[in-house]
């Protein structure tokens, strides 16, 4: 994201002025992280939001800086943007896109949507003991991966933004599990910790 981007300049939103707070209460480390003073002595709060200016002067928030990660060869992937697009796939109940910066592709943990996937299995004649068994079958994983890729390409995602491999999960992520918030937003650190072996295997 660059201020020179066309047709709309884009970049991190920073707020400056006398009304900006001095920092976080009793948290100097966090204060030093997001409050910066420029060469003119102006104090700026770095929001972490990525915005773009429209021609009429309106500022639109389009991304989060912390959600942007870099692949091995320097390509950037906006995790939040990719997850929002891929979650529209019929087979996807929830998704977390993951990037290992020492590799050149991204992967994903995908919570399968029960009814669409069971319906597909019935149509193509795939027998399974239960939903977990269905999600572990190679042909099921391939079907979901192909469907995700189709959605991604239709929404103009570039190759490096499309997961090359996925781990298909049968159990939903709930606030009770500690893997999503009460608003059902994913908790990335908790997910990475719980599924660290699966994520490692996706890059094996």
N, C-alpha and C. Protein backbone atom coordinates (compact mmCIF):
# COMPACT_ATOMS: atom_id res chain seq x y z
N UNK A 1 0.84 -1.19 0.00
CA UNK A 1 0.00 0.00 0.00
C UNK A 1 0.88 1.25 0.00
N UNK A 2 0.67 2.13 -0.99
CA UNK A 2 1.50 3.32 -1.12
C UNK A 2 0.63 4.56 -1.31
N UNK A 3 1.15 5.70 -0.85
CA UNK A 3 0.42 6.95 -1.06
C UNK A 3 0.42 7.34 -2.53
N UNK A 4 1.27 6.69 -3.31
CA UNK A 4 1.32 6.97 -4.75
C UNK A 4 0.42 6.03 -5.56
N UNK A 5 -0.31 5.13 -4.87
CA UNK A 5 -1.20 4.20 -5.56
C UNK A 5 -2.27 4.95 -6.35
N UNK A 6 -2.62 4.39 -7.51
CA UNK A 6 -3.68 4.95 -8.35
C UNK A 6 -4.82 3.94 -8.46
N UNK A 7 -6.08 4.37 -8.53
CA UNK A 7 -6.52 5.77 -8.57
C UNK A 7 -6.64 6.42 -7.20
N UNK A 8 -6.44 5.64 -6.11
CA UNK A 8 -6.60 6.21 -4.77
C UNK A 8 -5.35 5.97 -3.94
N UNK A 9 -4.80 7.01 -3.30
CA UNK A 9 -3.65 6.82 -2.41
C UNK A 9 -4.03 5.96 -1.22
N UNK A 10 -3.11 5.06 -0.82
CA UNK A 10 -3.40 4.13 0.26
C UNK A 10 -2.22 4.06 1.22
N UNK A 11 -2.49 3.69 2.45
CA UNK A 11 -1.44 3.54 3.44
C UNK A 11 -2.01 3.48 4.84
N UNK A 12 -1.11 3.40 5.83
CA UNK A 12 -1.57 3.34 7.22
C UNK A 12 -2.15 4.68 7.64
N UNK A 13 -3.25 4.64 8.37
CA UNK A 13 -3.88 5.85 8.89
C UNK A 13 -3.17 6.26 10.18
N UNK A 14 -2.64 7.49 10.21
CA UNK A 14 -2.02 8.02 11.42
C UNK A 14 -2.75 9.30 11.81
N UNK A 15 -2.86 9.53 13.11
CA UNK A 15 -3.61 10.67 13.62
C UNK A 15 -2.69 11.55 14.46
N UNK A 16 -2.65 12.84 14.16
CA UNK A 16 -1.80 13.76 14.90
C UNK A 16 -2.58 14.98 15.37
N UNK A 17 -2.01 15.70 16.33
CA UNK A 17 -2.67 16.91 16.82
C UNK A 17 -2.62 17.00 18.34
N UNK A 18 -3.04 18.14 18.86
CA UNK A 18 -2.98 18.36 20.30
C UNK A 18 -3.97 17.49 21.08
N UNK A 19 -4.97 16.98 20.39
CA UNK A 19 -5.98 16.16 21.07
C UNK A 19 -5.56 14.69 21.20
N UNK A 20 -4.44 14.32 20.57
CA UNK A 20 -3.98 12.94 20.64
C UNK A 20 -3.41 12.65 22.03
N UNK A 21 -3.82 11.53 22.60
CA UNK A 21 -3.39 11.17 23.95
C UNK A 21 -1.87 11.01 24.04
N UNK A 22 -1.35 11.10 25.24
CA UNK A 22 0.09 10.97 25.45
C UNK A 22 0.56 9.52 25.33
N UNK A 23 -0.38 8.58 25.41
CA UNK A 23 0.01 7.18 25.29
C UNK A 23 -0.90 6.27 26.08
N UNK A 24 -0.51 5.00 26.18
CA UNK A 24 -1.28 4.01 26.94
C UNK A 24 -0.95 4.13 28.42
N UNK A 25 -1.96 3.98 29.25
CA UNK A 25 -1.80 4.12 30.70
C UNK A 25 -0.91 3.01 31.25
N UNK A 26 0.22 3.40 31.83
CA UNK A 26 1.16 2.48 32.46
C UNK A 26 1.62 1.36 31.51
N UNK A 27 1.77 1.69 30.24
CA UNK A 27 2.24 0.70 29.26
C UNK A 27 3.17 1.41 28.27
N UNK A 28 4.40 1.66 28.73
CA UNK A 28 5.35 2.42 27.93
C UNK A 28 5.77 1.67 26.67
N UNK A 29 5.85 0.35 26.77
CA UNK A 29 6.25 -0.45 25.61
C UNK A 29 5.26 -0.30 24.46
N UNK A 30 3.97 -0.41 24.77
CA UNK A 30 2.93 -0.25 23.75
C UNK A 30 2.90 1.19 23.24
N UNK A 31 3.11 2.15 24.15
CA UNK A 31 3.14 3.56 23.76
C UNK A 31 4.25 3.82 22.75
N UNK A 32 5.43 3.30 23.03
CA UNK A 32 6.57 3.50 22.13
C UNK A 32 6.35 2.84 20.77
N UNK A 33 5.53 1.79 20.78
CA UNK A 33 5.28 1.04 19.55
C UNK A 33 4.41 1.80 18.57
N UNK A 34 3.40 2.51 19.07
CA UNK A 34 2.41 3.10 18.15
C UNK A 34 2.37 4.63 18.15
N UNK A 35 3.09 5.28 19.08
CA UNK A 35 3.14 6.75 19.08
C UNK A 35 4.53 7.20 18.63
N UNK A 36 4.57 8.01 17.58
CA UNK A 36 5.84 8.47 17.02
C UNK A 36 5.83 9.99 16.89
N UNK A 37 7.01 10.59 17.05
CA UNK A 37 7.16 12.04 16.90
C UNK A 37 8.00 12.30 15.66
N UNK A 38 7.50 13.16 14.75
CA UNK A 38 8.24 13.43 13.52
C UNK A 38 9.27 14.54 13.75
N UNK A 39 10.01 14.90 12.69
CA UNK A 39 11.10 15.86 12.80
C UNK A 39 10.62 17.27 13.14
N UNK A 40 9.31 17.50 12.97
CA UNK A 40 8.75 18.81 13.30
C UNK A 40 8.18 18.85 14.72
N UNK A 41 8.30 17.74 15.43
CA UNK A 41 7.80 17.68 16.79
C UNK A 41 6.34 17.28 16.92
N UNK A 42 5.72 16.93 15.79
CA UNK A 42 4.32 16.52 15.82
C UNK A 42 4.22 15.06 16.28
N UNK A 43 3.32 14.81 17.21
CA UNK A 43 3.12 13.47 17.75
C UNK A 43 2.03 12.77 16.94
N UNK A 44 2.30 11.54 16.48
CA UNK A 44 1.37 10.80 15.64
C UNK A 44 1.03 9.45 16.27
N UNK A 45 -0.26 9.12 16.21
CA UNK A 45 -0.73 7.80 16.65
C UNK A 45 -0.92 6.93 15.42
N UNK A 46 -0.18 5.83 15.36
CA UNK A 46 -0.28 4.89 14.24
C UNK A 46 -1.38 3.87 14.56
N UNK A 47 -2.50 3.99 13.85
CA UNK A 47 -3.70 3.21 14.19
C UNK A 47 -3.59 1.73 13.86
N UNK A 48 -2.76 1.39 12.87
CA UNK A 48 -2.70 0.00 12.42
C UNK A 48 -3.72 -0.30 11.34
N UNK A 49 -4.60 0.68 11.05
CA UNK A 49 -5.58 0.52 9.98
C UNK A 49 -4.99 1.00 8.66
N UNK A 50 -5.31 0.28 7.59
CA UNK A 50 -4.93 0.71 6.24
C UNK A 50 -6.13 1.39 5.61
N UNK A 51 -5.91 2.58 5.07
CA UNK A 51 -7.01 3.32 4.47
C UNK A 51 -6.70 3.77 3.06
N UNK A 52 -7.74 4.22 2.37
CA UNK A 52 -7.56 4.81 1.05
C UNK A 52 -8.48 6.02 0.93
N UNK A 53 -7.97 7.07 0.27
CA UNK A 53 -8.73 8.29 0.07
C UNK A 53 -9.47 8.24 -1.26
N UNK A 54 -10.78 8.49 -1.20
CA UNK A 54 -11.58 8.59 -2.42
C UNK A 54 -11.44 10.01 -2.99
N UNK A 55 -11.87 10.17 -4.22
CA UNK A 55 -11.73 11.45 -4.90
C UNK A 55 -12.53 12.56 -4.22
N UNK A 56 -13.59 12.18 -3.47
CA UNK A 56 -14.39 13.19 -2.77
C UNK A 56 -13.85 13.52 -1.38
N UNK A 57 -12.69 12.94 -1.04
CA UNK A 57 -12.07 13.22 0.24
C UNK A 57 -12.41 12.25 1.35
N UNK A 58 -13.32 11.33 1.08
CA UNK A 58 -13.70 10.34 2.10
C UNK A 58 -12.57 9.34 2.32
N UNK A 59 -12.35 8.99 3.57
CA UNK A 59 -11.32 8.02 3.94
C UNK A 59 -11.99 6.69 4.27
N UNK A 60 -11.59 5.64 3.57
CA UNK A 60 -12.17 4.31 3.76
C UNK A 60 -11.13 3.38 4.37
N UNK A 61 -11.49 2.68 5.44
CA UNK A 61 -10.61 1.66 6.03
C UNK A 61 -10.77 0.37 5.24
N UNK A 62 -9.65 -0.15 4.73
CA UNK A 62 -9.72 -1.32 3.86
C UNK A 62 -8.95 -2.53 4.38
N UNK A 63 -8.14 -2.35 5.42
CA UNK A 63 -7.32 -3.48 5.87
C UNK A 63 -6.73 -3.17 7.24
N UNK A 64 -6.07 -4.17 7.82
CA UNK A 64 -5.32 -4.00 9.06
C UNK A 64 -3.85 -4.29 8.79
N UNK A 65 -2.98 -3.41 9.26
CA UNK A 65 -1.55 -3.56 9.01
C UNK A 65 -1.01 -4.87 9.56
N UNK A 66 -1.49 -5.28 10.74
CA UNK A 66 -0.97 -6.49 11.36
C UNK A 66 -1.38 -7.75 10.61
N UNK A 67 -2.39 -7.62 9.73
CA UNK A 67 -2.84 -8.77 8.94
C UNK A 67 -2.04 -8.95 7.66
N UNK A 68 -1.11 -8.04 7.40
CA UNK A 68 -0.32 -8.11 6.17
C UNK A 68 1.02 -8.78 6.46
N UNK A 69 1.27 -9.90 5.79
CA UNK A 69 2.50 -10.65 6.02
C UNK A 69 3.23 -10.86 4.69
N UNK A 70 4.53 -11.12 4.80
CA UNK A 70 5.36 -11.23 3.60
C UNK A 70 5.85 -12.66 3.40
N UNK A 71 5.77 -13.11 2.15
CA UNK A 71 6.27 -14.43 1.78
C UNK A 71 7.78 -14.38 1.52
N UNK A 72 8.34 -15.55 1.25
CA UNK A 72 9.79 -15.69 1.11
C UNK A 72 10.39 -14.77 0.05
N UNK A 73 9.67 -14.60 -1.07
CA UNK A 73 10.21 -13.82 -2.18
C UNK A 73 9.72 -12.37 -2.18
N UNK A 74 9.14 -11.93 -1.06
CA UNK A 74 8.78 -10.53 -0.94
C UNK A 74 7.34 -10.17 -1.25
N UNK A 75 6.53 -11.16 -1.68
CA UNK A 75 5.13 -10.86 -1.96
C UNK A 75 4.36 -10.70 -0.65
N UNK A 76 3.44 -9.74 -0.62
CA UNK A 76 2.65 -9.50 0.58
C UNK A 76 1.27 -10.15 0.46
N UNK A 77 0.79 -10.68 1.58
CA UNK A 77 -0.53 -11.29 1.64
C UNK A 77 -1.32 -10.63 2.76
N UNK A 78 -2.49 -10.12 2.44
CA UNK A 78 -3.38 -9.54 3.44
C UNK A 78 -4.30 -10.64 3.95
N UNK A 79 -4.00 -11.17 5.13
CA UNK A 79 -4.73 -12.32 5.64
C UNK A 79 -6.22 -12.05 5.79
N UNK A 80 -6.56 -10.89 6.35
CA UNK A 80 -7.97 -10.57 6.57
C UNK A 80 -8.75 -10.49 5.27
N UNK A 81 -8.15 -9.88 4.26
CA UNK A 81 -8.82 -9.76 2.96
C UNK A 81 -9.05 -11.13 2.34
N UNK A 82 -8.02 -11.97 2.37
CA UNK A 82 -8.12 -13.30 1.77
C UNK A 82 -9.15 -14.15 2.52
N UNK A 83 -9.12 -14.09 3.85
CA UNK A 83 -10.07 -14.87 4.65
C UNK A 83 -11.51 -14.44 4.38
N UNK A 84 -11.73 -13.14 4.25
CA UNK A 84 -13.08 -12.63 3.99
C UNK A 84 -13.61 -13.14 2.66
N UNK A 85 -12.74 -13.20 1.66
CA UNK A 85 -13.15 -13.67 0.34
C UNK A 85 -13.39 -15.18 0.35
N UNK A 86 -12.47 -15.94 0.92
CA UNK A 86 -12.58 -17.39 0.88
C UNK A 86 -13.72 -17.92 1.76
N UNK A 87 -14.11 -17.13 2.76
CA UNK A 87 -15.20 -17.56 3.64
C UNK A 87 -16.54 -17.56 2.92
N UNK A 88 -16.60 -16.98 1.72
CA UNK A 88 -17.84 -17.00 0.94
C UNK A 88 -18.02 -18.32 0.20
N UNK A 89 -17.01 -19.16 0.21
CA UNK A 89 -17.11 -20.48 -0.42
C UNK A 89 -18.15 -21.32 0.33
N UNK A 90 -19.00 -22.02 -0.39
CA UNK A 90 -20.08 -22.80 0.23
C UNK A 90 -19.59 -23.85 1.22
N UNK A 91 -18.40 -24.38 0.98
CA UNK A 91 -17.88 -25.44 1.84
C UNK A 91 -17.21 -24.92 3.11
N UNK A 92 -17.05 -23.61 3.22
CA UNK A 92 -16.27 -23.03 4.32
C UNK A 92 -17.18 -22.47 5.41
N UNK A 93 -17.04 -23.01 6.61
CA UNK A 93 -17.74 -22.46 7.77
C UNK A 93 -16.87 -21.41 8.46
N UNK A 94 -15.56 -21.66 8.49
CA UNK A 94 -14.60 -20.69 9.03
C UNK A 94 -13.24 -21.00 8.43
N UNK A 95 -12.34 -20.01 8.48
CA UNK A 95 -11.04 -20.21 7.84
C UNK A 95 -9.99 -19.32 8.47
N UNK A 96 -8.78 -19.85 8.58
CA UNK A 96 -7.62 -19.05 8.96
C UNK A 96 -6.52 -19.29 7.94
N UNK A 97 -6.12 -18.22 7.27
CA UNK A 97 -5.02 -18.30 6.31
C UNK A 97 -3.72 -18.08 7.07
N UNK A 98 -2.71 -18.88 6.74
CA UNK A 98 -1.44 -18.82 7.47
C UNK A 98 -0.29 -18.70 6.48
N UNK A 99 0.69 -17.89 6.86
CA UNK A 99 1.88 -17.69 6.02
C UNK A 99 3.13 -17.96 6.83
N UNK A 100 3.96 -18.86 6.33
CA UNK A 100 5.31 -19.06 6.87
C UNK A 100 6.23 -18.17 6.03
N UNK A 101 6.85 -17.15 6.63
CA UNK A 101 7.66 -16.21 5.85
C UNK A 101 8.87 -16.83 5.16
N UNK A 102 9.19 -18.08 5.51
CA UNK A 102 10.32 -18.75 4.88
C UNK A 102 9.88 -19.65 3.72
N UNK A 103 8.60 -19.51 3.33
CA UNK A 103 8.08 -20.27 2.19
C UNK A 103 7.44 -19.31 1.19
N UNK A 104 7.15 -19.84 0.00
CA UNK A 104 6.65 -18.98 -1.08
C UNK A 104 5.16 -19.14 -1.33
N UNK A 105 4.44 -19.82 -0.43
CA UNK A 105 3.00 -19.98 -0.61
C UNK A 105 2.31 -19.96 0.75
N UNK A 106 1.00 -19.71 0.73
CA UNK A 106 0.23 -19.71 1.97
C UNK A 106 -0.61 -20.98 2.06
N UNK A 107 -1.05 -21.29 3.28
CA UNK A 107 -1.88 -22.46 3.55
C UNK A 107 -3.08 -22.00 4.37
N UNK A 108 -3.98 -22.92 4.69
CA UNK A 108 -5.16 -22.51 5.46
C UNK A 108 -5.72 -23.65 6.29
N UNK A 109 -6.25 -23.27 7.45
CA UNK A 109 -7.07 -24.17 8.25
C UNK A 109 -8.51 -23.86 7.88
N UNK A 110 -9.26 -24.88 7.48
CA UNK A 110 -10.63 -24.66 7.02
C UNK A 110 -11.59 -25.51 7.84
N UNK A 111 -12.54 -24.85 8.50
CA UNK A 111 -13.62 -25.56 9.16
C UNK A 111 -14.70 -25.81 8.11
N UNK A 112 -14.98 -27.08 7.86
CA UNK A 112 -15.91 -27.44 6.79
C UNK A 112 -17.36 -27.14 7.18
N UNK A 113 -18.13 -26.72 6.20
CA UNK A 113 -19.56 -26.49 6.38
C UNK A 113 -20.29 -27.82 6.18
N UNK A 114 -20.99 -28.27 7.18
CA UNK A 114 -21.51 -29.64 7.23
C UNK A 114 -22.44 -29.99 6.06
N UNK A 115 -23.54 -29.28 5.93
CA UNK A 115 -24.57 -29.69 4.97
C UNK A 115 -24.12 -29.64 3.50
N UNK A 116 -23.45 -28.57 3.05
CA UNK A 116 -22.99 -28.57 1.66
C UNK A 116 -22.01 -29.70 1.35
N UNK A 117 -21.15 -30.02 2.32
CA UNK A 117 -20.15 -31.05 2.07
C UNK A 117 -20.76 -32.45 2.09
N UNK A 118 -21.68 -32.68 3.00
CA UNK A 118 -22.37 -33.98 3.05
C UNK A 118 -23.21 -34.17 1.79
N UNK A 119 -23.85 -33.11 1.33
CA UNK A 119 -24.65 -33.19 0.10
C UNK A 119 -23.77 -33.54 -1.09
N UNK A 120 -22.59 -32.91 -1.16
CA UNK A 120 -21.65 -33.22 -2.25
C UNK A 120 -21.23 -34.68 -2.19
N UNK A 121 -20.92 -35.17 -0.99
CA UNK A 121 -20.48 -36.56 -0.82
C UNK A 121 -21.56 -37.54 -1.28
N UNK A 122 -22.80 -37.22 -0.98
CA UNK A 122 -23.91 -38.07 -1.41
C UNK A 122 -24.04 -38.07 -2.93
N UNK A 123 -23.86 -36.91 -3.53
CA UNK A 123 -24.00 -36.79 -4.98
C UNK A 123 -22.93 -37.56 -5.74
N UNK A 124 -21.71 -37.56 -5.20
CA UNK A 124 -20.61 -38.24 -5.91
C UNK A 124 -20.37 -39.65 -5.38
N UNK A 125 -21.14 -40.06 -4.38
CA UNK A 125 -21.07 -41.43 -3.89
C UNK A 125 -19.89 -41.74 -2.98
N UNK A 126 -19.48 -40.77 -2.18
CA UNK A 126 -18.38 -41.01 -1.24
C UNK A 126 -18.95 -41.47 0.10
N UNK A 127 -18.60 -42.68 0.49
CA UNK A 127 -19.08 -43.23 1.75
C UNK A 127 -18.18 -42.78 2.89
N UNK A 128 -18.78 -42.54 4.06
CA UNK A 128 -17.99 -42.11 5.21
C UNK A 128 -18.69 -42.52 6.49
N UNK A 129 -17.90 -42.76 7.53
CA UNK A 129 -18.44 -43.18 8.82
C UNK A 129 -19.10 -42.02 9.54
N UNK A 130 -18.46 -40.87 9.49
CA UNK A 130 -18.98 -39.67 10.13
C UNK A 130 -18.37 -38.46 9.44
N UNK A 131 -18.68 -37.26 9.93
CA UNK A 131 -18.22 -36.04 9.26
C UNK A 131 -16.70 -35.89 9.34
N UNK A 132 -16.12 -36.31 10.46
CA UNK A 132 -14.66 -36.24 10.60
C UNK A 132 -13.99 -37.12 9.56
N UNK A 133 -14.54 -38.32 9.38
CA UNK A 133 -14.00 -39.24 8.38
C UNK A 133 -14.09 -38.63 6.98
N UNK A 134 -15.22 -37.98 6.69
CA UNK A 134 -15.40 -37.34 5.39
C UNK A 134 -14.36 -36.23 5.17
N UNK A 135 -14.12 -35.43 6.22
CA UNK A 135 -13.17 -34.32 6.10
C UNK A 135 -11.73 -34.79 5.94
N UNK A 136 -11.44 -36.00 6.35
CA UNK A 136 -10.08 -36.53 6.25
C UNK A 136 -9.79 -37.21 4.92
N UNK A 137 -10.82 -37.42 4.12
CA UNK A 137 -10.63 -38.11 2.85
C UNK A 137 -9.94 -37.19 1.83
N UNK A 138 -8.93 -37.69 1.13
CA UNK A 138 -8.19 -36.87 0.15
C UNK A 138 -9.09 -36.25 -0.91
N UNK A 139 -10.10 -37.00 -1.36
CA UNK A 139 -10.98 -36.45 -2.40
C UNK A 139 -11.83 -35.29 -1.87
N UNK A 140 -12.16 -35.34 -0.58
CA UNK A 140 -12.92 -34.24 0.02
C UNK A 140 -12.04 -33.00 0.14
N UNK A 141 -10.83 -33.19 0.61
CA UNK A 141 -9.89 -32.08 0.74
C UNK A 141 -9.65 -31.43 -0.61
N UNK A 142 -9.49 -32.25 -1.64
CA UNK A 142 -9.26 -31.73 -2.99
C UNK A 142 -10.47 -30.95 -3.49
N UNK A 143 -11.68 -31.45 -3.21
CA UNK A 143 -12.90 -30.75 -3.64
C UNK A 143 -13.00 -29.37 -3.00
N UNK A 144 -12.73 -29.30 -1.70
CA UNK A 144 -12.80 -28.02 -0.99
C UNK A 144 -11.70 -27.08 -1.49
N UNK A 145 -10.50 -27.60 -1.68
CA UNK A 145 -9.39 -26.78 -2.16
C UNK A 145 -9.69 -26.21 -3.54
N UNK A 146 -10.24 -27.03 -4.43
CA UNK A 146 -10.58 -26.57 -5.77
C UNK A 146 -11.69 -25.51 -5.73
N UNK A 147 -12.65 -25.70 -4.84
CA UNK A 147 -13.74 -24.74 -4.70
C UNK A 147 -13.23 -23.40 -4.17
N UNK A 148 -12.33 -23.47 -3.19
CA UNK A 148 -11.72 -22.26 -2.64
C UNK A 148 -10.94 -21.52 -3.72
N UNK A 149 -10.18 -22.26 -4.51
CA UNK A 149 -9.38 -21.65 -5.57
C UNK A 149 -10.27 -20.98 -6.61
N UNK A 150 -11.41 -21.60 -6.91
CA UNK A 150 -12.35 -21.03 -7.88
C UNK A 150 -12.90 -19.70 -7.38
N UNK A 151 -13.27 -19.65 -6.10
CA UNK A 151 -13.77 -18.40 -5.51
C UNK A 151 -12.68 -17.33 -5.53
N UNK A 152 -11.46 -17.73 -5.17
CA UNK A 152 -10.34 -16.79 -5.11
C UNK A 152 -10.06 -16.18 -6.48
N UNK A 153 -10.05 -17.00 -7.51
CA UNK A 153 -9.77 -16.51 -8.86
C UNK A 153 -10.90 -15.61 -9.37
N UNK A 154 -12.14 -15.96 -9.01
CA UNK A 154 -13.28 -15.14 -9.42
C UNK A 154 -13.21 -13.75 -8.80
N UNK A 155 -12.60 -13.67 -7.61
CA UNK A 155 -12.47 -12.39 -6.90
C UNK A 155 -11.12 -11.72 -7.17
N UNK A 156 -10.40 -12.23 -8.17
CA UNK A 156 -9.16 -11.62 -8.65
C UNK A 156 -8.00 -11.67 -7.65
N UNK A 157 -7.99 -12.66 -6.77
CA UNK A 157 -6.82 -12.83 -5.92
C UNK A 157 -5.66 -13.33 -6.77
N UNK A 158 -4.46 -12.90 -6.43
CA UNK A 158 -3.29 -13.35 -7.18
C UNK A 158 -2.85 -14.72 -6.64
N UNK A 159 -1.98 -15.38 -7.38
CA UNK A 159 -1.59 -16.75 -7.06
C UNK A 159 -1.05 -16.89 -5.64
N UNK A 160 -0.25 -15.94 -5.20
CA UNK A 160 0.37 -16.05 -3.87
C UNK A 160 -0.64 -15.84 -2.74
N UNK A 161 -1.84 -15.34 -3.05
CA UNK A 161 -2.87 -15.14 -2.03
C UNK A 161 -3.79 -16.36 -1.89
N UNK A 162 -3.65 -17.32 -2.78
CA UNK A 162 -4.53 -18.49 -2.78
C UNK A 162 -3.84 -19.66 -2.08
N UNK A 163 -4.44 -20.20 -1.01
CA UNK A 163 -3.81 -21.31 -0.30
C UNK A 163 -3.50 -22.48 -1.22
N UNK A 164 -2.27 -22.98 -1.12
CA UNK A 164 -1.85 -24.12 -1.92
C UNK A 164 -2.27 -25.43 -1.27
N UNK A 165 -2.29 -25.45 0.06
CA UNK A 165 -2.70 -26.63 0.82
C UNK A 165 -3.64 -26.21 1.94
N UNK A 166 -4.51 -27.13 2.34
CA UNK A 166 -5.42 -26.85 3.45
C UNK A 166 -5.49 -28.04 4.40
N UNK A 167 -5.83 -27.75 5.63
CA UNK A 167 -6.20 -28.77 6.61
C UNK A 167 -7.69 -28.61 6.83
N UNK A 168 -8.45 -29.65 6.50
CA UNK A 168 -9.91 -29.59 6.62
C UNK A 168 -10.33 -30.11 7.98
N UNK A 169 -11.07 -29.29 8.71
CA UNK A 169 -11.47 -29.61 10.08
C UNK A 169 -12.98 -29.79 10.17
N UNK A 170 -13.40 -30.72 11.01
CA UNK A 170 -14.83 -31.01 11.14
C UNK A 170 -15.48 -30.30 12.32
N UNK A 171 -14.71 -29.96 13.34
CA UNK A 171 -15.28 -29.34 14.54
C UNK A 171 -15.32 -27.82 14.39
N UNK A 172 -16.47 -27.20 14.65
CA UNK A 172 -16.57 -25.74 14.52
C UNK A 172 -15.77 -25.01 15.59
N UNK A 173 -15.35 -23.79 15.27
CA UNK A 173 -14.67 -22.93 16.24
C UNK A 173 -15.72 -22.09 16.95
N UNK A 174 -15.78 -22.20 18.24
CA UNK A 174 -16.78 -21.49 19.04
C UNK A 174 -16.09 -20.65 20.11
N UNK A 175 -16.80 -19.64 20.65
CA UNK A 175 -16.21 -18.87 21.75
C UNK A 175 -15.85 -19.75 22.94
N UNK A 176 -16.63 -20.81 23.16
CA UNK A 176 -16.36 -21.72 24.27
C UNK A 176 -15.04 -22.47 24.09
N UNK A 177 -14.66 -22.69 22.84
CA UNK A 177 -13.40 -23.39 22.57
C UNK A 177 -12.19 -22.47 22.75
N UNK A 178 -12.46 -21.15 22.81
CA UNK A 178 -11.37 -20.19 22.95
C UNK A 178 -10.66 -19.88 21.65
N UNK A 179 -11.22 -20.35 20.53
CA UNK A 179 -10.57 -20.15 19.23
C UNK A 179 -11.14 -18.97 18.45
N UNK A 180 -12.29 -18.47 18.89
CA UNK A 180 -12.88 -17.27 18.30
C UNK A 180 -13.42 -16.39 19.42
N UNK A 181 -13.61 -15.12 19.13
CA UNK A 181 -14.16 -14.20 20.12
C UNK A 181 -15.68 -14.36 20.19
N UNK A 182 -16.30 -13.62 21.10
CA UNK A 182 -17.76 -13.64 21.21
C UNK A 182 -18.41 -13.14 19.93
N UNK A 183 -17.67 -12.28 19.19
CA UNK A 183 -18.17 -11.78 17.90
C UNK A 183 -17.78 -12.70 16.75
N UNK A 184 -17.22 -13.88 17.11
CA UNK A 184 -16.83 -14.92 16.15
C UNK A 184 -15.65 -14.55 15.26
N UNK A 185 -14.83 -13.59 15.73
CA UNK A 185 -13.59 -13.30 15.02
C UNK A 185 -12.53 -14.30 15.47
N UNK A 186 -11.74 -14.78 14.53
CA UNK A 186 -10.77 -15.81 14.87
C UNK A 186 -9.66 -15.26 15.76
N UNK A 187 -9.18 -16.11 16.67
CA UNK A 187 -8.04 -15.77 17.52
C UNK A 187 -6.82 -16.48 16.93
N UNK A 188 -6.06 -15.74 16.16
CA UNK A 188 -4.98 -16.35 15.38
C UNK A 188 -3.93 -17.03 16.24
N UNK A 189 -3.51 -16.39 17.31
CA UNK A 189 -2.45 -16.98 18.13
C UNK A 189 -2.89 -18.29 18.77
N UNK A 190 -4.15 -18.33 19.23
CA UNK A 190 -4.67 -19.56 19.83
C UNK A 190 -4.80 -20.66 18.78
N UNK A 191 -5.22 -20.29 17.58
CA UNK A 191 -5.35 -21.27 16.51
C UNK A 191 -3.99 -21.80 16.08
N UNK A 192 -3.01 -20.91 15.99
CA UNK A 192 -1.67 -21.34 15.61
C UNK A 192 -1.09 -22.29 16.65
N UNK A 193 -1.37 -22.03 17.92
CA UNK A 193 -0.85 -22.89 18.98
C UNK A 193 -1.53 -24.26 18.96
N UNK A 194 -2.85 -24.27 18.80
CA UNK A 194 -3.60 -25.54 18.82
C UNK A 194 -3.28 -26.41 17.62
N UNK A 195 -3.10 -25.78 16.46
CA UNK A 195 -2.91 -26.54 15.22
C UNK A 195 -1.48 -26.41 14.68
N UNK A 196 -0.52 -26.19 15.57
CA UNK A 196 0.85 -25.97 15.12
C UNK A 196 1.41 -27.16 14.34
N UNK A 197 1.06 -28.37 14.76
CA UNK A 197 1.56 -29.56 14.04
C UNK A 197 0.93 -29.66 12.66
N UNK A 198 -0.35 -29.34 12.55
CA UNK A 198 -1.02 -29.38 11.25
C UNK A 198 -0.43 -28.33 10.31
N UNK A 199 -0.17 -27.13 10.84
CA UNK A 199 0.42 -26.08 10.01
C UNK A 199 1.82 -26.46 9.56
N UNK A 200 2.58 -27.08 10.45
CA UNK A 200 3.92 -27.52 10.09
C UNK A 200 3.86 -28.58 8.99
N UNK A 201 2.90 -29.49 9.10
CA UNK A 201 2.76 -30.55 8.11
C UNK A 201 2.34 -30.02 6.74
N UNK A 202 1.60 -28.92 6.72
CA UNK A 202 1.19 -28.34 5.45
C UNK A 202 2.37 -27.77 4.67
N UNK A 203 3.45 -27.49 5.38
CA UNK A 203 4.66 -26.99 4.72
C UNK A 203 5.73 -28.08 4.56
N UNK A 204 5.38 -29.30 4.96
CA UNK A 204 6.36 -30.39 4.88
C UNK A 204 6.57 -30.82 3.43
